[in-house]
Amino acid sequence: GMLVDFVNVGQGDCTILKIPSFGEDDFFAVVDAGPSQASATVVS
């Protein structure tokens, strides 16, 4: 039920976790956000 997305940010790291929360909106965690030049990719 949890979605794990390893975002291609080039040199660096970014993983997005989308975790179901019963009765609420999904819980989003971003583990590292990559370098600044990849921020548009992460936001998108």
PDB file of all heavy atoms in Angstrom:
ATOM      1  N   GLY A   1       0.795  -1.216   0.000  1.00  0.00           N
ATOM      2  CA  GLY A   1       0.000   0.000   0.000  1.00  0.00           C
ATOM      3  C   GLY A   1       0.828   1.267   0.000  1.00  0.00           C
ATOM      4  O   GLY A   1       0.330   2.330  -0.306  1.00  0.00           O
ATOM      5  N   MET A   2       2.113   1.158   0.358  1.00  0.00           N
ATOM      6  CA  MET A   2       2.995   2.321   0.356  1.00  0.00           C
ATOM      7  C   MET A   2       3.663   2.428  -1.010  1.00  0.00           C
ATOM      8  O   MET A   2       4.094   1.429  -1.581  1.00  0.00           O
ATOM      9  CB  MET A   2       4.069   2.181   1.437  1.00  0.00           C
ATOM     10  CG  MET A   2       5.061   3.329   1.421  1.00  0.00           C
ATOM     11  SD  MET A   2       6.229   3.299   2.800  1.00  0.00           S
ATOM     12  CE  MET A   2       7.148   1.822   2.473  1.00  0.00           C
ATOM     13  N   LEU A   3       3.725   3.632  -1.544  1.00  0.00           N
ATOM     14  CA  LEU A   3       4.386   3.871  -2.817  1.00  0.00           C
ATOM     15  C   LEU A   3       5.765   4.459  -2.535  1.00  0.00           C
ATOM     16  O   LEU A   3       5.881   5.395  -1.739  1.00  0.00           O
ATOM     17  CB  LEU A   3       3.560   4.836  -3.667  1.00  0.00           C
ATOM     18  CG  LEU A   3       4.164   5.114  -5.029  1.00  0.00           C
ATOM     19  CD1 LEU A   3       3.127   4.850  -6.095  1.00  0.00           C
ATOM     20  CD2 LEU A   3       4.651   6.529  -5.091  1.00  0.00           C
ATOM     21  N   VAL A   4       6.786   3.891  -3.159  1.00  0.00           N
ATOM     22  CA  VAL A   4       8.158   4.373  -3.019  1.00  0.00           C
ATOM     23  C   VAL A   4       8.625   4.823  -4.393  1.00  0.00           C
ATOM     24  O   VAL A   4       8.575   4.050  -5.344  1.00  0.00           O
ATOM     25  CB  VAL A   4       9.089   3.271  -2.475  1.00  0.00           C
ATOM     26  CG1 VAL A   4      10.519   3.788  -2.335  1.00  0.00           C
ATOM     27  CG2 VAL A   4       8.578   2.742  -1.136  1.00  0.00           C
ATOM     28  N   ASP A   5       9.074   6.063  -4.494  1.00  0.00           N
ATOM     29  CA  ASP A   5       9.493   6.631  -5.774  1.00  0.00           C
ATOM     30  C   ASP A   5      10.922   7.150  -5.634  1.00  0.00           C
ATOM     31  O   ASP A   5      11.166   8.121  -4.920  1.00  0.00           O
ATOM     32  CB  ASP A   5       8.537   7.769  -6.156  1.00  0.00           C
ATOM     33  CG  ASP A   5       8.758   8.288  -7.566  1.00  0.00           C
ATOM     34  OD1 ASP A   5       9.664   7.801  -8.273  1.00  0.00           O
ATOM     35  OD2 ASP A   5       8.007   9.195  -7.960  1.00  0.00           O
ATOM     36  N   PHE A   6      11.870   6.469  -6.289  1.00  0.00           N
ATOM     37  CA  PHE A   6      13.257   6.917  -6.310  1.00  0.00           C
ATOM     38  C   PHE A   6      13.382   7.894  -7.478  1.00  0.00           C
ATOM     39  O   PHE A   6      13.334   7.495  -8.632  1.00  0.00           O
ATOM     40  CB  PHE A   6      14.215   5.735  -6.483  1.00  0.00           C
ATOM     41  CG  PHE A   6      14.118   4.744  -5.363  1.00  0.00           C
ATOM     42  CD1 PHE A   6      13.340   3.608  -5.490  1.00  0.00           C
ATOM     43  CD2 PHE A   6      14.790   4.953  -4.175  1.00  0.00           C
ATOM     44  CE1 PHE A   6      13.241   2.688  -4.454  1.00  0.00           C
ATOM     45  CE2 PHE A   6      14.704   4.050  -3.137  1.00  0.00           C
ATOM     46  CZ  PHE A   6      13.926   2.903  -3.272  1.00  0.00           C
ATOM     47  N   VAL A   7      13.495   9.162  -7.185  1.00  0.00           N
ATOM     48  CA  VAL A   7      13.478  10.214  -8.202  1.00  0.00           C
ATOM     49  C   VAL A   7      14.872  10.385  -8.793  1.00  0.00           C
ATOM     50  O   VAL A   7      15.853  10.533  -8.052  1.00  0.00           O
ATOM     51  CB  VAL A   7      12.973  11.547  -7.604  1.00  0.00           C
ATOM     52  CG1 VAL A   7      12.891  12.618  -8.682  1.00  0.00           C
ATOM     53  CG2 VAL A   7      11.613  11.350  -6.937  1.00  0.00           C
ATOM     54  N   ASN A   8      14.963  10.375 -10.112  1.00  0.00           N
ATOM     55  CA  ASN A   8      16.242  10.563 -10.785  1.00  0.00           C
ATOM     56  C   ASN A   8      16.617  12.044 -10.727  1.00  0.00           C
ATOM     57  O   ASN A   8      16.078  12.857 -11.473  1.00  0.00           O
ATOM     58  CB  ASN A   8      16.154  10.084 -12.233  1.00  0.00           C
ATOM     59  CG  ASN A   8      17.479  10.207 -12.958  1.00  0.00           C
ATOM     60  OD1 ASN A   8      18.473  10.708 -12.416  1.00  0.00           O
ATOM     61  ND2 ASN A   8      17.512   9.750 -14.192  1.00  0.00           N
ATOM     62  N   VAL A   9      17.538  12.371  -9.830  1.00  0.00           N
ATOM     63  CA  VAL A   9      17.979  13.756  -9.663  1.00  0.00           C
ATOM     64  C   VAL A   9      19.432  13.937 -10.100  1.00  0.00           C
ATOM     65  O   VAL A   9      20.048  14.952  -9.809  1.00  0.00           O
ATOM     66  CB  VAL A   9      17.803  14.237  -8.200  1.00  0.00           C
ATOM     67  CG1 VAL A   9      16.330  14.304  -7.823  1.00  0.00           C
ATOM     68  CG2 VAL A   9      18.584  13.372  -7.227  1.00  0.00           C
ATOM     69  N   GLY A  10      19.982  12.941 -10.807  1.00  0.00           N
ATOM     70  CA  GLY A  10      21.388  13.017 -11.200  1.00  0.00           C
ATOM     71  C   GLY A  10      22.263  12.759  -9.985  1.00  0.00           C
ATOM     72  O   GLY A  10      22.014  11.836  -9.220  1.00  0.00           O
ATOM     73  N   GLN A  11      23.283  13.582  -9.796  1.00  0.00           N
ATOM     74  CA  GLN A  11      24.171  13.439  -8.640  1.00  0.00           C
ATOM     75  C   GLN A  11      23.427  13.873  -7.389  1.00  0.00           C
ATOM     76  O   GLN A  11      23.129  15.049  -7.221  1.00  0.00           O
ATOM     77  CB  GLN A  11      25.429  14.304  -8.818  1.00  0.00           C
ATOM     78  CG  GLN A  11      26.325  14.385  -7.602  1.00  0.00           C
ATOM     79  CD  GLN A  11      26.908  13.042  -7.194  1.00  0.00           C
ATOM     80  OE1 GLN A  11      27.303  12.266  -8.039  1.00  0.00           O
ATOM     81  NE2 GLN A  11      26.952  12.787  -5.903  1.00  0.00           N
ATOM     82  N   GLY A  12      23.096  12.929  -6.525  1.00  0.00           N
ATOM     83  CA  GLY A  12      22.374  13.235  -5.299  1.00  0.00           C
ATOM     84  C   GLY A  12      21.298  12.204  -5.064  1.00  0.00           C
ATOM     85  O   GLY A  12      21.264  11.166  -5.732  1.00  0.00           O
ATOM     86  N   ASP A  13      20.440  12.486  -4.121  1.00  0.00           N
ATOM     87  CA  ASP A  13      19.399  11.533  -3.750  1.00  0.00           C
ATOM     88  C   ASP A  13      18.072  12.229  -3.547  1.00  0.00           C
ATOM     89  O   ASP A  13      18.007  13.368  -3.087  1.00  0.00           O
ATOM     90  CB  ASP A  13      19.749  10.828  -2.434  1.00  0.00           C
ATOM     91  CG  ASP A  13      20.831   9.797  -2.607  1.00  0.00           C
ATOM     92  OD1 ASP A  13      20.700   8.951  -3.515  1.00  0.00           O
ATOM     93  OD2 ASP A  13      21.809   9.829  -1.848  1.00  0.00           O
ATOM     94  N   CYS A  14      16.990  11.492  -3.843  1.00  0.00           N
ATOM     95  CA  CYS A  14      15.638  11.912  -3.514  1.00  0.00           C
ATOM     96  C   CYS A  14      14.726  10.702  -3.607  1.00  0.00           C
ATOM     97  O   CYS A  14      14.675  10.040  -4.646  1.00  0.00           O
ATOM     98  CB  CYS A  14      15.132  13.006  -4.448  1.00  0.00           C
ATOM     99  SG  CYS A  14      13.425  13.496  -4.067  1.00  0.00           S
ATOM    100  N   THR A  15      14.044  10.428  -2.501  1.00  0.00           N
ATOM    101  CA  THR A  15      13.057   9.355  -2.469  1.00  0.00           C
ATOM    102  C   THR A  15      11.760   9.935  -1.925  1.00  0.00           C
ATOM    103  O   THR A  15      11.778  10.655  -0.921  1.00  0.00           O
ATOM    104  CB  THR A  15      13.524   8.198  -1.565  1.00  0.00           C
ATOM    105  OG1 THR A  15      14.792   7.739  -2.026  1.00  0.00           O
ATOM    106  CG2 THR A  15      12.525   7.052  -1.579  1.00  0.00           C
ATOM    107  N   ILE A  16      10.660   9.633  -2.601  1.00  0.00           N
ATOM    108  CA  ILE A  16       9.345  10.080  -2.142  1.00  0.00           C
ATOM    109  C   ILE A  16       8.584   8.863  -1.648  1.00  0.00           C
ATOM    110  O   ILE A  16       8.537   7.833  -2.326  1.00  0.00           O
ATOM    111  CB  ILE A  16       8.565  10.769  -3.284  1.00  0.00           C
ATOM    112  CG1 ILE A  16       9.309  12.017  -3.768  1.00  0.00           C
ATOM    113  CG2 ILE A  16       7.141  11.110  -2.825  1.00  0.00           C
ATOM    114  CD1 ILE A  16       8.734  12.632  -5.037  1.00  0.00           C
ATOM    115  N   LEU A  17       8.008   8.983  -0.462  1.00  0.00           N
ATOM    116  CA  LEU A  17       7.157   7.933   0.096  1.00  0.00           C
ATOM    117  C   LEU A  17       5.746   8.475   0.200  1.00  0.00           C
ATOM    118  O   LEU A  17       5.521   9.550   0.753  1.00  0.00           O
ATOM    119  CB  LEU A  17       7.643   7.529   1.486  1.00  0.00           C
ATOM    120  CG  LEU A  17       9.086   7.056   1.583  1.00  0.00           C
ATOM    121  CD1 LEU A  17       9.498   6.896   3.033  1.00  0.00           C
ATOM    122  CD2 LEU A  17       9.269   5.761   0.829  1.00  0.00           C
ATOM    123  N   LYS A  18       4.799   7.718  -0.361  1.00  0.00           N
ATOM    124  CA  LYS A  18       3.375   8.046  -0.261  1.00  0.00           C
ATOM    125  C   LYS A  18       2.756   6.919   0.552  1.00  0.00           C
ATOM    126  O   LYS A  18       2.701   5.771   0.098  1.00  0.00           O
ATOM    127  CB  LYS A  18       2.751   8.139  -1.655  1.00  0.00           C
ATOM    128  CG  LYS A  18       1.278   8.499  -1.652  1.00  0.00           C
ATOM    129  CD  LYS A  18       0.755   8.595  -3.089  1.00  0.00           C
ATOM    130  CE  LYS A  18      -0.718   8.927  -3.123  1.00  0.00           C
ATOM    131  NZ  LYS A  18      -1.225   9.000  -4.508  1.00  0.00           N
ATOM    132  N   ILE A  19       2.338   7.253   1.776  1.00  0.00           N
ATOM    133  CA  ILE A  19       1.876   6.247   2.724  1.00  0.00           C
ATOM    134  C   ILE A  19       0.390   6.450   2.983  1.00  0.00           C
ATOM    135  O   ILE A  19      -0.028   7.536   3.396  1.00  0.00           O
ATOM    136  CB  ILE A  19       2.675   6.349   4.044  1.00  0.00           C
ATOM    137  CG1 ILE A  19       4.173   6.233   3.758  1.00  0.00           C
ATOM    138  CG2 ILE A  19       2.207   5.305   5.047  1.00  0.00           C
ATOM    139  CD1 ILE A  19       5.057   6.627   4.909  1.00  0.00           C
ATOM    140  N   PRO A  20      -0.416   5.401   2.753  1.00  0.00           N
ATOM    141  CA  PRO A  20      -1.845   5.538   3.030  1.00  0.00           C
ATOM    142  C   PRO A  20      -2.096   5.793   4.517  1.00  0.00           C
ATOM    143  O   PRO A  20      -1.409   5.237   5.371  1.00  0.00           O
ATOM    144  CB  PRO A  20      -2.431   4.191   2.632  1.00  0.00           C
ATOM    145  CG  PRO A  20      -1.364   3.439   1.937  1.00  0.00           C
ATOM    146  CD  PRO A  20      -0.069   4.069   2.280  1.00  0.00           C
ATOM    147  N   SER A  21      -3.024   6.664   4.807  1.00  0.00           N
ATOM    148  CA  SER A  21      -3.456   6.924   6.181  1.00  0.00           C
ATOM    149  C   SER A  21      -4.965   6.739   6.197  1.00  0.00           C
ATOM    150  O   SER A  21      -5.686   7.520   5.582  1.00  0.00           O
ATOM    151  CB  SER A  21      -3.092   8.342   6.611  1.00  0.00           C
ATOM    152  OG  SER A  21      -1.705   8.487   6.713  1.00  0.00           O
ATOM    153  N   PHE A  22      -5.425   5.724   6.874  1.00  0.00           N
ATOM    154  CA  PHE A  22      -6.851   5.401   6.871  1.00  0.00           C
ATOM    155  C   PHE A  22      -7.654   6.555   7.449  1.00  0.00           C
ATOM    156  O   PHE A  22      -7.370   7.050   8.533  1.00  0.00           O
ATOM    157  CB  PHE A  22      -7.100   4.107   7.629  1.00  0.00           C
ATOM    158  CG  PHE A  22      -6.420   2.945   6.979  1.00  0.00           C
ATOM    159  CD1 PHE A  22      -5.317   2.359   7.551  1.00  0.00           C
ATOM    160  CD2 PHE A  22      -6.870   2.462   5.754  1.00  0.00           C
ATOM    161  CE1 PHE A  22      -4.673   1.300   6.932  1.00  0.00           C
ATOM    162  CE2 PHE A  22      -6.231   1.409   5.131  1.00  0.00           C
ATOM    163  CZ  PHE A  22      -5.126   0.830   5.717  1.00  0.00           C
ATOM    164  N   GLY A  23      -8.666   7.007   6.685  1.00  0.00           N
ATOM    165  CA  GLY A  23      -9.538   8.074   7.126  1.00  0.00           C
ATOM    166  C   GLY A  23      -8.971   9.464   6.926  1.00  0.00           C
ATOM    167  O   GLY A  23      -9.587  10.443   7.290  1.00  0.00           O
ATOM    168  N   GLU A  24      -7.758   9.564   6.358  1.00  0.00           N
ATOM    169  CA  GLU A  24      -7.123  10.867   6.151  1.00  0.00           C
ATOM    170  C   GLU A  24      -6.477  10.895   4.773  1.00  0.00           C
ATOM    171  O   GLU A  24      -6.446   9.893   4.067  1.00  0.00           O
ATOM    172  CB  GLU A  24      -6.040  11.089   7.220  1.00  0.00           C
ATOM    173  CG  GLU A  24      -6.555  11.092   8.642  1.00  0.00           C
ATOM    174  CD  GLU A  24      -5.427  11.240   9.657  1.00  0.00           C
ATOM    175  OE1 GLU A  24      -4.345  11.711   9.283  1.00  0.00           O
ATOM    176  OE2 GLU A  24      -5.639  10.866  10.808  1.00  0.00           O
ATOM    177  N   ASP A  25      -5.934  12.061   4.416  1.00  0.00           N
ATOM    178  CA  ASP A  25      -5.169  12.153   3.176  1.00  0.00           C
ATOM    179  C   ASP A  25      -3.912  11.302   3.300  1.00  0.00           C
ATOM    180  O   ASP A  25      -3.440  11.027   4.397  1.00  0.00           O
ATOM    181  CB  ASP A  25      -4.766  13.606   2.908  1.00  0.00           C
ATOM    182  CG  ASP A  25      -5.948  14.484   2.536  1.00  0.00           C
ATOM    183  OD1 ASP A  25      -6.971  13.940   2.072  1.00  0.00           O
ATOM    184  OD2 ASP A  25      -5.855  15.710   2.724  1.00  0.00           O
ATOM    185  N   ASP A  26      -3.352  10.905   2.161  1.00  0.00           N
ATOM    186  CA  ASP A  26      -2.105  10.163   2.182  1.00  0.00           C
ATOM    187  C   ASP A  26      -1.014  10.980   2.855  1.00  0.00           C
ATOM    188  O   ASP A  26      -1.013  12.214   2.805  1.00  0.00           O
ATOM    189  CB  ASP A  26      -1.667   9.813   0.756  1.00  0.00           C
ATOM    190  CG  ASP A  26      -2.571   8.780   0.106  1.00  0.00           C
ATOM    191  OD1 ASP A  26      -3.135   7.944   0.830  1.00  0.00           O
ATOM    192  OD2 ASP A  26      -2.717   8.826  -1.127  1.00  0.00           O
ATOM    193  N   PHE A  27      -0.080  10.299   3.473  1.00  0.00           N
ATOM    194  CA  PHE A  27       1.055  10.907   4.159  1.00  0.00           C
ATOM    195  C   PHE A  27       2.216  10.926   3.177  1.00  0.00           C
ATOM    196  O   PHE A  27       2.548   9.899   2.585  1.00  0.00           O
ATOM    197  CB  PHE A  27       1.407  10.056   5.389  1.00  0.00           C
ATOM    198  CG  PHE A  27       2.472  10.641   6.264  1.00  0.00           C
ATOM    199  CD1 PHE A  27       2.131  11.329   7.416  1.00  0.00           C
ATOM    200  CD2 PHE A  27       3.815  10.492   5.957  1.00  0.00           C
ATOM    201  CE1 PHE A  27       3.102  11.855   8.244  1.00  0.00           C
ATOM    202  CE2 PHE A  27       4.795  11.020   6.770  1.00  0.00           C
ATOM    203  CZ  PHE A  27       4.437  11.701   7.921  1.00  0.00           C
ATOM    204  N   PHE A  28       2.821  12.096   2.975  1.00  0.00           N
ATOM    205  CA  PHE A  28       3.954  12.222   2.058  1.00  0.00           C
ATOM    206  C   PHE A  28       5.224  12.541   2.830  1.00  0.00           C
ATOM    207  O   PHE A  28       5.255  13.476   3.634  1.00  0.00           O
ATOM    208  CB  PHE A  28       3.709  13.327   1.022  1.00  0.00           C
ATOM    209  CG  PHE A  28       2.850  12.896  -0.123  1.00  0.00           C
ATOM    210  CD1 PHE A  28       1.469  12.993  -0.051  1.00  0.00           C
ATOM    211  CD2 PHE A  28       3.419  12.374  -1.278  1.00  0.00           C
ATOM    212  CE1 PHE A  28       0.666  12.584  -1.096  1.00  0.00           C
ATOM    213  CE2 PHE A  28       2.625  11.967  -2.339  1.00  0.00           C
ATOM    214  CZ  PHE A  28       1.241  12.071  -2.255  1.00  0.00           C
ATOM    215  N   ALA A  29       6.263  11.753   2.554  1.00  0.00           N
ATOM    216  CA  ALA A  29       7.591  12.016   3.097  1.00  0.00           C
ATOM    217  C   ALA A  29       8.555  12.134   1.920  1.00  0.00           C
ATOM    218  O   ALA A  29       8.482  11.350   0.971  1.00  0.00           O
ATOM    219  CB  ALA A  29       8.028  10.899   4.026  1.00  0.00           C
ATOM    220  N   VAL A  30       9.424  13.115   1.989  1.00  0.00           N
ATOM    221  CA  VAL A  30      10.471  13.285   0.990  1.00  0.00           C
ATOM    222  C   VAL A  30      11.793  13.080   1.725  1.00  0.00           C
ATOM    223  O   VAL A  30      12.089  13.801   2.679  1.00  0.00           O
ATOM    224  CB  VAL A  30      10.427  14.691   0.340  1.00  0.00           C
ATOM    225  CG1 VAL A  30      11.586  14.868  -0.630  1.00  0.00           C
ATOM    226  CG2 VAL A  30       9.094  14.914  -0.352  1.00  0.00           C
ATOM    227  N   VAL A  31      12.548  12.066   1.299  1.00  0.00           N
ATOM    228  CA  VAL A  31      13.834  11.775   1.918  1.00  0.00           C
ATOM    229  C   VAL A  31      14.911  12.288   0.977  1.00  0.00           C
ATOM    230  O   VAL A  31      15.149  11.733  -0.089  1.00  0.00           O
ATOM    231  CB  VAL A  31      14.005  10.276   2.196  1.00  0.00           C
ATOM    232  CG1 VAL A  31      15.359  10.007   2.860  1.00  0.00           C
ATOM    233  CG2 VAL A  31      12.859   9.759   3.068  1.00  0.00           C
ATOM    234  N   ASP A  32      15.515  13.393   1.370  1.00  0.00           N
ATOM    235  CA  ASP A  32      16.474  14.163   0.579  1.00  0.00           C
ATOM    236  C   ASP A  32      15.764  14.757  -0.635  1.00  0.00           C
ATOM    237  O   ASP A  32      14.761  14.210  -1.103  1.00  0.00           O
ATOM    238  CB  ASP A  32      17.704  13.355   0.178  1.00  0.00           C
ATOM    239  CG  ASP A  32      18.615  13.076   1.371  1.00  0.00           C
ATOM    240  OD1 ASP A  32      18.625  13.872   2.321  1.00  0.00           O
ATOM    241  OD2 ASP A  32      19.327  12.058   1.345  1.00  0.00           O
ATOM    242  N   ALA A  33      16.247  15.876  -1.095  1.00  0.00           N
ATOM    243  CA  ALA A  33      15.551  16.606  -2.153  1.00  0.00           C
ATOM    244  C   ALA A  33      16.434  16.869  -3.365  1.00  0.00           C
ATOM    245  O   ALA A  33      16.109  17.707  -4.194  1.00  0.00           O
ATOM    246  CB  ALA A  33      15.005  17.922  -1.598  1.00  0.00           C
ATOM    247  N   GLY A  34      17.540  16.149  -3.454  1.00  0.00           N
ATOM    248  CA  GLY A  34      18.416  16.290  -4.606  1.00  0.00           C
ATOM    249  C   GLY A  34      19.088  17.646  -4.664  1.00  0.00           C
ATOM    250  O   GLY A  34      18.885  18.509  -3.804  1.00  0.00           O
ATOM    251  N   PRO A  35      19.891  17.879  -5.705  1.00  0.00           N
ATOM    252  CA  PRO A  35      20.553  19.173  -5.885  1.00  0.00           C
ATOM    253  C   PRO A  35      19.565  20.220  -6.409  1.00  0.00           C
ATOM    254  O   PRO A  35      18.500  19.875  -6.921  1.00  0.00           O
ATOM    255  CB  PRO A  35      21.637  18.866  -6.918  1.00  0.00           C
ATOM    256  CG  PRO A  35      21.076  17.730  -7.715  1.00  0.00           C
ATOM    257  CD  PRO A  35      20.257  16.916  -6.750  1.00  0.00           C
ATOM    258  N   SER A  36      19.924  21.471  -6.297  1.00  0.00           N
ATOM    259  CA  SER A  36      19.011  22.554  -6.694  1.00  0.00           C
ATOM    260  C   SER A  36      18.594  22.448  -8.159  1.00  0.00           C
ATOM    261  O   SER A  36      17.443  22.730  -8.492  1.00  0.00           O
ATOM    262  CB  SER A  36      19.633  23.916  -6.416  1.00  0.00           C
ATOM    263  OG  SER A  36      20.843  24.061  -7.127  1.00  0.00           O
ATOM    264  N   GLN A  37      19.494  22.009  -9.037  1.00  0.00           N
ATOM    265  CA  GLN A  37      19.144  21.931 -10.462  1.00  0.00           C
ATOM    266  C   GLN A  37      18.104  20.849 -10.754  1.00  0.00           C
ATOM    267  O   GLN A  37      17.520  20.831 -11.834  1.00  0.00           O
ATOM    268  CB  GLN A  37      20.381  21.768 -11.352  1.00  0.00           C
ATOM    269  CG  GLN A  37      21.227  20.559 -11.077  1.00  0.00           C
ATOM    270  CD  GLN A  37      22.344  20.814 -10.080  1.00  0.00           C
ATOM    271  OE1 GLN A  37      22.211  21.618  -9.173  1.00  0.00           O
ATOM    272  NE2 GLN A  37      23.448  20.111 -10.250  1.00  0.00           N
ATOM    273  N   ALA A  38      17.821  19.972  -9.799  1.00  0.00           N
ATOM    274  CA  ALA A  38      16.805  18.938  -9.998  1.00  0.00           C
ATOM    275  C   ALA A  38      15.511  19.250  -9.258  1.00  0.00           C
ATOM    276  O   ALA A  38      14.583  18.452  -9.267  1.00  0.00           O
ATOM    277  CB  ALA A  38      17.349  17.587  -9.542  1.00  0.00           C
ATOM    278  N   SER A  39      15.424  20.428  -8.634  1.00  0.00           N
ATOM    279  CA  SER A  39      14.253  20.723  -7.803  1.00  0.00           C
ATOM    280  C   SER A  39      12.953  20.737  -8.601  1.00  0.00           C
ATOM    281  O   SER A  39      11.913  20.299  -8.099  1.00  0.00           O
ATOM    282  CB  SER A  39      14.438  22.041  -7.045  1.00  0.00           C
ATOM    283  OG  SER A  39      14.559  23.121  -7.937  1.00  0.00           O
ATOM    284  N   ALA A  40      12.979  21.185  -9.839  1.00  0.00           N
ATOM    285  CA  ALA A  40      11.753  21.178 -10.653  1.00  0.00           C
ATOM    286  C   ALA A  40      11.271  19.749 -10.885  1.00  0.00           C
ATOM    287  O   ALA A  40      10.059  19.489 -10.885  1.00  0.00           O
ATOM    288  CB  ALA A  40      11.990  21.878 -11.988  1.00  0.00           C
ATOM    289  N   THR A  41      12.192  18.822 -11.050  1.00  0.00           N
ATOM    290  CA  THR A  41      11.835  17.411 -11.219  1.00  0.00           C
ATOM    291  C   THR A  41      11.170  16.869  -9.966  1.00  0.00           C
ATOM    292  O   THR A  41      10.152  16.172 -10.035  1.00  0.00           O
ATOM    293  CB  THR A  41      13.090  16.578 -11.560  1.00  0.00           C
ATOM    294  OG1 THR A  41      13.663  17.079 -12.760  1.00  0.00           O
ATOM    295  CG2 THR A  41      12.771  15.109 -11.712  1.00  0.00           C
ATOM    296  N   VAL A  42      11.727  17.193  -8.799  1.00  0.00           N
ATOM    297  CA  VAL A  42      11.180  16.720  -7.526  1.00  0.00           C
ATOM    298  C   VAL A  42       9.778  17.291  -7.313  1.00  0.00           C
ATOM    299  O   VAL A  42       8.838  16.560  -6.984  1.00  0.00           O
ATOM    300  CB  VAL A  42      12.117  17.076  -6.357  1.00  0.00           C
ATOM    301  CG1 VAL A  42      11.492  16.702  -5.021  1.00  0.00           C
ATOM    302  CG2 VAL A  42      13.474  16.398  -6.524  1.00  0.00           C
ATOM    303  N   VAL A  43       9.618  18.578  -7.524  1.00  0.00           N
ATOM    304  CA  VAL A  43       8.314  19.227  -7.350  1.00  0.00           C
ATOM    305  C   VAL A  43       7.295  18.643  -8.328  1.00  0.00           C
ATOM    306  O   VAL A  43       6.160  18.329  -7.955  1.00  0.00           O
ATOM    307  CB  VAL A  43       8.434  20.762  -7.506  1.00  0.00           C
ATOM    308  CG1 VAL A  43       7.073  21.421  -7.623  1.00  0.00           C
ATOM    309  CG2 VAL A  43       9.224  21.347  -6.335  1.00  0.00           C
ATOM    310  N   SER A  44       7.687  18.450  -9.577  1.00  0.00           N
ATOM    311  CA  SER A  44       6.798  17.878 -10.582  1.00  0.00           C
ATOM    312  C   SER A  44       6.377  16.460 -10.197  1.00  0.00           C
ATOM    313  O   SER A  44       5.206  16.090 -10.345  1.00  0.00           O
ATOM    314  CB  SER A  44       7.495  17.873 -11.945  1.00  0.00           C
ATOM    315  OG  SER A  44       6.714  17.233 -12.903  1.00  0.00           O
TER     316      SER A  44
END
